[in-house]
Amino acid sequence: MVDDEATRTRASGATEGTRKRRTKAPLPEPKPAAAAAEPAPLSGTVVDADGVPIDAERVDMRLSAVGRVAGDDLHVTGGAVGAARTDRLEIDRGAVGAAMASDVQLSRGYARSILARQVQLDRSAARVIIAADVRADQSAAMFLVARKVDGNVKVLFDWRGALAFGAAAGVLFAILSRVRRRGREES
């Protein structure tokens, strides 16, 4: 089938840049949050890119990424989550930017910030962990604040180290700001 509009445009001598563009079909209506939590079919990838965060009781993700998730139970395998607010979070070979949960299990993954009652790490790393109880096996954390820590975890800064780091960074910042002010006054 030949496009009549394109044929008329060429016949009138119009250049490629002056052709009228066809308008695209309207986007489909966004799915309800419960439908977004359904498992994706094996034949293709389902992407819900409407900008609405996922809010469901249970979310299972495999080889996926999502910006925000709120719900009761979140399981991620080989994926990434920007922010999660859930009762139970389980990540296997994945990453999370910020997690607020009752129970967090991180296996062979990375977390930027975790705020939880119980955290279990297995061959994982985290930047900041604030929790009541932490159990770890061959894991690492940059900042760790916890009431009870069990297992093999390497911590760069505990609460005393974090306090010393903050004081040193504050002194360094004050010195650098004074040097910058003197440089501006001399100019």
C-alpha atoms as a PDB file:
ATOM      1  CA  MET A   1       0.000   0.000   0.000  1.00  0.00           C
ATOM      2  CA  VAL A   2       1.421   3.382  -1.009  1.00  0.00           C
ATOM      3  CA  ASP A   3       1.182   6.340   1.365  1.00  0.00           C
ATOM      4  CA  ASP A   4      -0.846   8.988  -0.531  1.00  0.00           C
ATOM      5  CA  GLU A   5       0.366  11.898   1.648  1.00  0.00           C
ATOM      6  CA  ALA A   6       4.045  11.042   1.112  1.00  0.00           C
ATOM      7  CA  THR A   7       3.445  10.614  -2.647  1.00  0.00           C
ATOM      8  CA  ARG A   8       1.753  14.037  -2.877  1.00  0.00           C
ATOM      9  CA  THR A   9       4.559  15.672  -0.886  1.00  0.00           C
ATOM     10  CA  ARG A  10       7.215  14.260  -3.218  1.00  0.00           C
ATOM     11  CA  ALA A  11       5.200  15.220  -6.294  1.00  0.00           C
ATOM     12  CA  SER A  12       4.885  18.825  -5.126  1.00  0.00           C
ATOM     13  CA  GLY A  13       8.685  19.121  -4.892  1.00  0.00           C
ATOM     14  CA  ALA A  14       8.908  19.382  -1.104  1.00  0.00           C
ATOM     15  CA  THR A  15      12.171  18.337   0.499  1.00  0.00           C
ATOM     16  CA  GLU A  16      12.519  15.613   3.100  1.00  0.00           C
ATOM     17  CA  GLY A  17      12.662  18.177   5.952  1.00  0.00           C
ATOM     18  CA  THR A  18       9.364  19.834   5.017  1.00  0.00           C
ATOM     19  CA  ARG A  19       7.257  16.705   4.898  1.00  0.00           C
ATOM     20  CA  LYS A  20       4.344  16.519   7.246  1.00  0.00           C
ATOM     21  CA  ARG A  21       4.887  13.959   9.968  1.00  0.00           C
ATOM     22  CA  ARG A  22       2.166  11.576  10.921  1.00  0.00           C
ATOM     23  CA  THR A  23       1.032  11.707  14.485  1.00  0.00           C
ATOM     24  CA  LYS A  24       1.656   8.579  16.506  1.00  0.00           C
ATOM     25  CA  ALA A  25      -1.182   6.557  17.903  1.00  0.00           C
ATOM     26  CA  PRO A  26      -2.148   7.502  21.463  1.00  0.00           C
ATOM     27  CA  LEU A  27      -0.400   5.594  24.234  1.00  0.00           C
ATOM     28  CA  PRO A  28      -2.402   2.852  25.958  1.00  0.00           C
ATOM     29  CA  GLU A  29      -3.981   3.595  29.319  1.00  0.00           C
ATOM     30  CA  PRO A  30      -1.703   2.759  32.279  1.00  0.00           C
ATOM     31  CA  LYS A  31      -2.341  -0.550  33.995  1.00  0.00           C
ATOM     32  CA  PRO A  32      -3.479  -0.650  37.612  1.00  0.00           C
ATOM     33  CA  ALA A  33      -0.665  -1.311  40.099  1.00  0.00           C
ATOM     34  CA  ALA A  34      -1.863  -4.863  40.811  1.00  0.00           C
ATOM     35  CA  ALA A  35      -1.567  -5.760  37.117  1.00  0.00           C
ATOM     36  CA  ALA A  36       1.988  -4.406  36.995  1.00  0.00           C
ATOM     37  CA  ALA A  37       3.001  -6.910  39.672  1.00  0.00           C
ATOM     38  CA  GLU A  38       1.966  -9.916  37.564  1.00  0.00           C
ATOM     39  CA  PRO A  39       4.837 -11.996  36.174  1.00  0.00           C
ATOM     40  CA  ALA A  40       5.957 -11.061  32.693  1.00  0.00           C
ATOM     41  CA  PRO A  41       5.249 -13.504  29.862  1.00  0.00           C
ATOM     42  CA  LEU A  42       8.244 -15.459  28.623  1.00  0.00           C
ATOM     43  CA  SER A  43       7.853 -14.346  25.009  1.00  0.00           C
ATOM     44  CA  GLY A  44       8.728 -10.674  25.540  1.00  0.00           C
ATOM     45  CA  THR A  45       9.525  -7.933  27.976  1.00  0.00           C
ATOM     46  CA  VAL A  46       6.748  -6.006  29.662  1.00  0.00           C
ATOM     47  CA  VAL A  47       7.610  -2.443  30.604  1.00  0.00           C
ATOM     48  CA  ASP A  48       5.228  -0.157  32.443  1.00  0.00           C
ATOM     49  CA  ALA A  49       6.890   3.212  31.862  1.00  0.00           C
ATOM     50  CA  ASP A  50       4.115   5.506  32.983  1.00  0.00           C
ATOM     51  CA  GLY A  51       6.107   6.926  35.917  1.00  0.00           C
ATOM     52  CA  VAL A  52       3.756   5.525  38.562  1.00  0.00           C
ATOM     53  CA  PRO A  53       5.478   3.598  41.369  1.00  0.00           C
ATOM     54  CA  ILE A  54       4.533  -0.030  41.880  1.00  0.00           C
ATOM     55  CA  ASP A  55       2.309  -0.530  44.931  1.00  0.00           C
ATOM     56  CA  ALA A  56       1.354  -4.158  45.546  1.00  0.00           C
ATOM     57  CA  GLU A  57       1.219  -6.793  48.276  1.00  0.00           C
ATOM     58  CA  ARG A  58       3.797  -9.068  46.627  1.00  0.00           C
ATOM     59  CA  VAL A  59       6.230  -8.200  43.852  1.00  0.00           C
ATOM     60  CA  ASP A  60       8.546 -10.756  42.231  1.00  0.00           C
ATOM     61  CA  MET A  61      11.143  -9.353  39.847  1.00  0.00           C
ATOM     62  CA  ARG A  62      13.614 -11.254  37.698  1.00  0.00           C
ATOM     63  CA  LEU A  63      16.170  -9.466  35.508  1.00  0.00           C
ATOM     64  CA  SER A  64      14.238  -6.217  35.889  1.00  0.00           C
ATOM     65  CA  ALA A  65      14.628  -2.700  37.211  1.00  0.00           C
ATOM     66  CA  VAL A  66      12.116  -0.446  38.915  1.00  0.00           C
ATOM     67  CA  GLY A  67      12.307   3.020  40.434  1.00  0.00           C
ATOM     68  CA  ARG A  68      10.055   2.701  43.513  1.00  0.00           C
ATOM     69  CA  VAL A  69       8.236  -0.204  45.115  1.00  0.00           C
ATOM     70  CA  ALA A  70       5.892  -0.163  48.102  1.00  0.00           C
ATOM     71  CA  GLY A  71       4.293  -3.318  49.398  1.00  0.00           C
ATOM     72  CA  ASP A  72       4.406  -6.220  51.801  1.00  0.00           C
ATOM     73  CA  ASP A  73       6.842  -8.585  50.095  1.00  0.00           C
ATOM     74  CA  LEU A  74       9.485  -7.883  47.427  1.00  0.00           C
ATOM     75  CA  HIS A  75      11.711 -10.541  45.832  1.00  0.00           C
ATOM     76  CA  VAL A  76      14.371  -9.458  43.319  1.00  0.00           C
ATOM     77  CA  THR A  77      16.571 -11.861  41.371  1.00  0.00           C
ATOM     78  CA  GLY A  78      19.186 -10.285  39.133  1.00  0.00           C
ATOM     79  CA  GLY A  79      17.587  -6.861  39.123  1.00  0.00           C
ATOM     80  CA  ALA A  80      17.707  -3.384  40.580  1.00  0.00           C
ATOM     81  CA  VAL A  81      15.380  -1.288  42.732  1.00  0.00           C
ATOM     82  CA  GLY A  82      15.790   2.445  43.246  1.00  0.00           C
ATOM     83  CA  ALA A  83      13.786   2.680  46.478  1.00  0.00           C
ATOM     84  CA  ALA A  84      11.823   0.041  48.351  1.00  0.00           C
ATOM     85  CA  ARG A  85       9.451   0.411  51.291  1.00  0.00           C
ATOM     86  CA  THR A  86       8.287  -3.021  52.283  1.00  0.00           C
ATOM     87  CA  ASP A  87       7.889  -5.423  55.177  1.00  0.00           C
ATOM     88  CA  ARG A  88      10.169  -8.054  53.677  1.00  0.00           C
ATOM     89  CA  LEU A  89      12.841  -7.460  51.041  1.00  0.00           C
ATOM     90  CA  GLU A  90      14.856 -10.283  49.500  1.00  0.00           C
ATOM     91  CA  ILE A  91      17.505  -9.550  46.856  1.00  0.00           C
ATOM     92  CA  ASP A  92      19.631 -12.173  45.129  1.00  0.00           C
ATOM     93  CA  ARG A  93      22.352 -10.981  42.716  1.00  0.00           C
ATOM     94  CA  GLY A  94      20.847  -7.510  42.554  1.00  0.00           C
ATOM     95  CA  ALA A  95      21.050  -3.975  43.876  1.00  0.00           C
ATOM     96  CA  VAL A  96      18.914  -1.542  45.826  1.00  0.00           C
ATOM     97  CA  GLY A  97      19.388   2.197  46.233  1.00  0.00           C
ATOM     98  CA  ALA A  98      17.417   2.730  49.440  1.00  0.00           C
ATOM     99  CA  ALA A  99      15.486   0.175  51.452  1.00  0.00           C
ATOM    100  CA  MET A 100      13.175   0.673  54.412  1.00  0.00           C
ATOM    101  CA  ALA A 101      11.894  -2.652  55.644  1.00  0.00           C
ATOM    102  CA  SER A 102      11.315  -4.888  58.625  1.00  0.00           C
ATOM    103  CA  ASP A 103      13.429  -7.713  57.264  1.00  0.00           C
ATOM    104  CA  VAL A 104      16.105  -7.398  54.549  1.00  0.00           C
ATOM    105  CA  GLN A 105      17.970 -10.338  53.019  1.00  0.00           C
ATOM    106  CA  LEU A 106      20.725  -9.463  50.578  1.00  0.00           C
ATOM    107  CA  SER A 107      22.596 -12.274  48.848  1.00  0.00           C
ATOM    108  CA  ARG A 108      25.468 -11.529  46.440  1.00  0.00           C
ATOM    109  CA  GLY A 109      24.249  -7.987  45.941  1.00  0.00           C
ATOM    110  CA  TYR A 110      24.764  -4.322  46.798  1.00  0.00           C
ATOM    111  CA  ALA A 111      22.707  -1.868  48.808  1.00  0.00           C
ATOM    112  CA  ARG A 112      23.336   1.845  49.061  1.00  0.00           C
ATOM    113  CA  SER A 113      21.238   2.480  52.198  1.00  0.00           C
ATOM    114  CA  ILE A 114      19.308   0.089  54.425  1.00  0.00           C
ATOM    115  CA  LEU A 115      17.049   1.018  57.336  1.00  0.00           C
ATOM    116  CA  ALA A 116      15.581  -2.125  58.866  1.00  0.00           C
ATOM    117  CA  ARG A 117      14.940  -4.146  61.998  1.00  0.00           C
ATOM    118  CA  GLN A 118      16.751  -7.252  60.792  1.00  0.00           C
ATOM    119  CA  VAL A 119      19.354  -7.445  58.039  1.00  0.00           C
ATOM    120  CA  GLN A 120      20.949 -10.606  56.700  1.00  0.00           C
ATOM    121  CA  LEU A 121      23.884 -10.258  54.295  1.00  0.00           C
ATOM    122  CA  ASP A 122      25.478 -13.108  52.378  1.00  0.00           C
ATOM    123  CA  ARG A 123      28.546 -12.200  50.273  1.00  0.00           C
ATOM    124  CA  SER A 124      27.163  -8.687  49.829  1.00  0.00           C
ATOM    125  CA  ALA A 125      28.168  -5.063  50.300  1.00  0.00           C
ATOM    126  CA  ALA A 126      26.360  -1.999  51.563  1.00  0.00           C
ATOM    127  CA  ARG A 127      27.245   1.635  52.037  1.00  0.00           C
ATOM    128  CA  VAL A 128      25.005   2.473  55.021  1.00  0.00           C
ATOM    129  CA  ILE A 129      23.187   0.018  57.279  1.00  0.00           C
ATOM    130  CA  ILE A 130      21.068   1.129  60.224  1.00  0.00           C
ATOM    131  CA  ALA A 131      19.414  -1.844  61.871  1.00  0.00           C
ATOM    132  CA  ALA A 132      18.596  -3.500  65.173  1.00  0.00           C
ATOM    133  CA  ASP A 133      20.110  -6.886  64.272  1.00  0.00           C
ATOM    134  CA  VAL A 134      22.613  -7.671  61.524  1.00  0.00           C
ATOM    135  CA  ARG A 135      23.752 -11.159  60.498  1.00  0.00           C
ATOM    136  CA  ALA A 136      26.449 -11.345  57.870  1.00  0.00           C
ATOM    137  CA  ASP A 137      28.615 -13.879  56.076  1.00  0.00           C
ATOM    138  CA  GLN A 138      31.596 -12.671  54.003  1.00  0.00           C
ATOM    139  CA  SER A 139      30.112  -9.194  53.617  1.00  0.00           C
ATOM    140  CA  ALA A 140      31.217  -5.583  53.897  1.00  0.00           C
ATOM    141  CA  ALA A 141      29.691  -2.272  54.910  1.00  0.00           C
ATOM    142  CA  MET A 142      31.029   1.268  54.892  1.00  0.00           C
ATOM    143  CA  PHE A 143      28.891   2.635  57.764  1.00  0.00           C
ATOM    144  CA  LEU A 144      27.174   0.251  60.157  1.00  0.00           C
ATOM    145  CA  VAL A 145      24.972   1.224  63.093  1.00  0.00           C
ATOM    146  CA  ALA A 146      23.382  -1.785  64.780  1.00  0.00           C
ATOM    147  CA  ARG A 147      22.414  -3.012  68.221  1.00  0.00           C
ATOM    148  CA  LYS A 148      23.658  -6.543  67.534  1.00  0.00           C
ATOM    149  CA  VAL A 149      26.032  -7.812  64.818  1.00  0.00           C
ATOM    150  CA  ASP A 150      26.737 -11.517  64.197  1.00  0.00           C
ATOM    151  CA  GLY A 151      28.936 -13.195  61.622  1.00  0.00           C
ATOM    152  CA  ASN A 152      31.745 -12.191  59.323  1.00  0.00           C
ATOM    153  CA  VAL A 153      31.318  -8.558  58.259  1.00  0.00           C
ATOM    154  CA  LYS A 154      34.036  -6.031  57.473  1.00  0.00           C
ATOM    155  CA  VAL A 155      33.044  -2.538  58.517  1.00  0.00           C
ATOM    156  CA  LEU A 156      34.950   0.528  57.366  1.00  0.00           C
ATOM    157  CA  PHE A 157      33.303   2.834  59.934  1.00  0.00           C
ATOM    158  CA  ASP A 158      31.316   1.830  62.997  1.00  0.00           C
ATOM    159  CA  TRP A 159      29.504   4.542  64.954  1.00  0.00           C
ATOM    160  CA  ARG A 160      32.753   5.775  66.573  1.00  0.00           C
ATOM    161  CA  GLY A 161      34.583   5.756  63.251  1.00  0.00           C
ATOM    162  CA  ALA A 162      31.697   7.531  61.547  1.00  0.00           C
ATOM    163  CA  LEU A 163      31.749  10.204  64.255  1.00  0.00           C
ATOM    164  CA  ALA A 164      35.505  10.688  63.811  1.00  0.00           C
ATOM    165  CA  PHE A 165      35.106  10.732  60.011  1.00  0.00           C
ATOM    166  CA  GLY A 166      32.385  13.382  60.256  1.00  0.00           C
ATOM    167  CA  ALA A 167      34.509  15.542  62.569  1.00  0.00           C
ATOM    168  CA  ALA A 168      37.537  15.276  60.284  1.00  0.00           C
ATOM    169  CA  ALA A 169      35.438  16.059  57.207  1.00  0.00           C
ATOM    170  CA  GLY A 170      33.969  19.106  59.003  1.00  0.00           C
ATOM    171  CA  VAL A 171      37.426  20.437  59.903  1.00  0.00           C
ATOM    172  CA  LEU A 172      38.677  19.860  56.362  1.00  0.00           C
ATOM    173  CA  PHE A 173      35.620  21.610  54.917  1.00  0.00           C
ATOM    174  CA  ALA A 174      36.129  24.619  57.246  1.00  0.00           C
ATOM    175  CA  ILE A 175      39.788  24.931  56.218  1.00  0.00           C
ATOM    176  CA  LEU A 176      38.978  24.719  52.508  1.00  0.00           C
ATOM    177  CA  SER A 177      36.209  27.321  52.774  1.00  0.00           C
ATOM    178  CA  ARG A 178      38.585  29.761  54.530  1.00  0.00           C
ATOM    179  CA  VAL A 179      41.215  29.263  51.826  1.00  0.00           C
ATOM    180  CA  ARG A 180      38.579  29.911  49.130  1.00  0.00           C
ATOM    181  CA  ARG A 181      37.397  33.093  50.865  1.00  0.00           C
ATOM    182  CA  ARG A 182      40.960  34.443  51.099  1.00  0.00           C
ATOM    183  CA  GLY A 183      41.442  33.725  47.396  1.00  0.00           C
ATOM    184  CA  ARG A 184      38.287  35.677  46.516  1.00  0.00           C
ATOM    185  CA  GLU A 185      39.254  38.623  48.730  1.00  0.00           C
ATOM    186  CA  GLU A 186      42.684  38.904  47.097  1.00  0.00           C
ATOM    187  CA  SER A 187      41.213  38.884  43.586  1.00  0.00           C
END
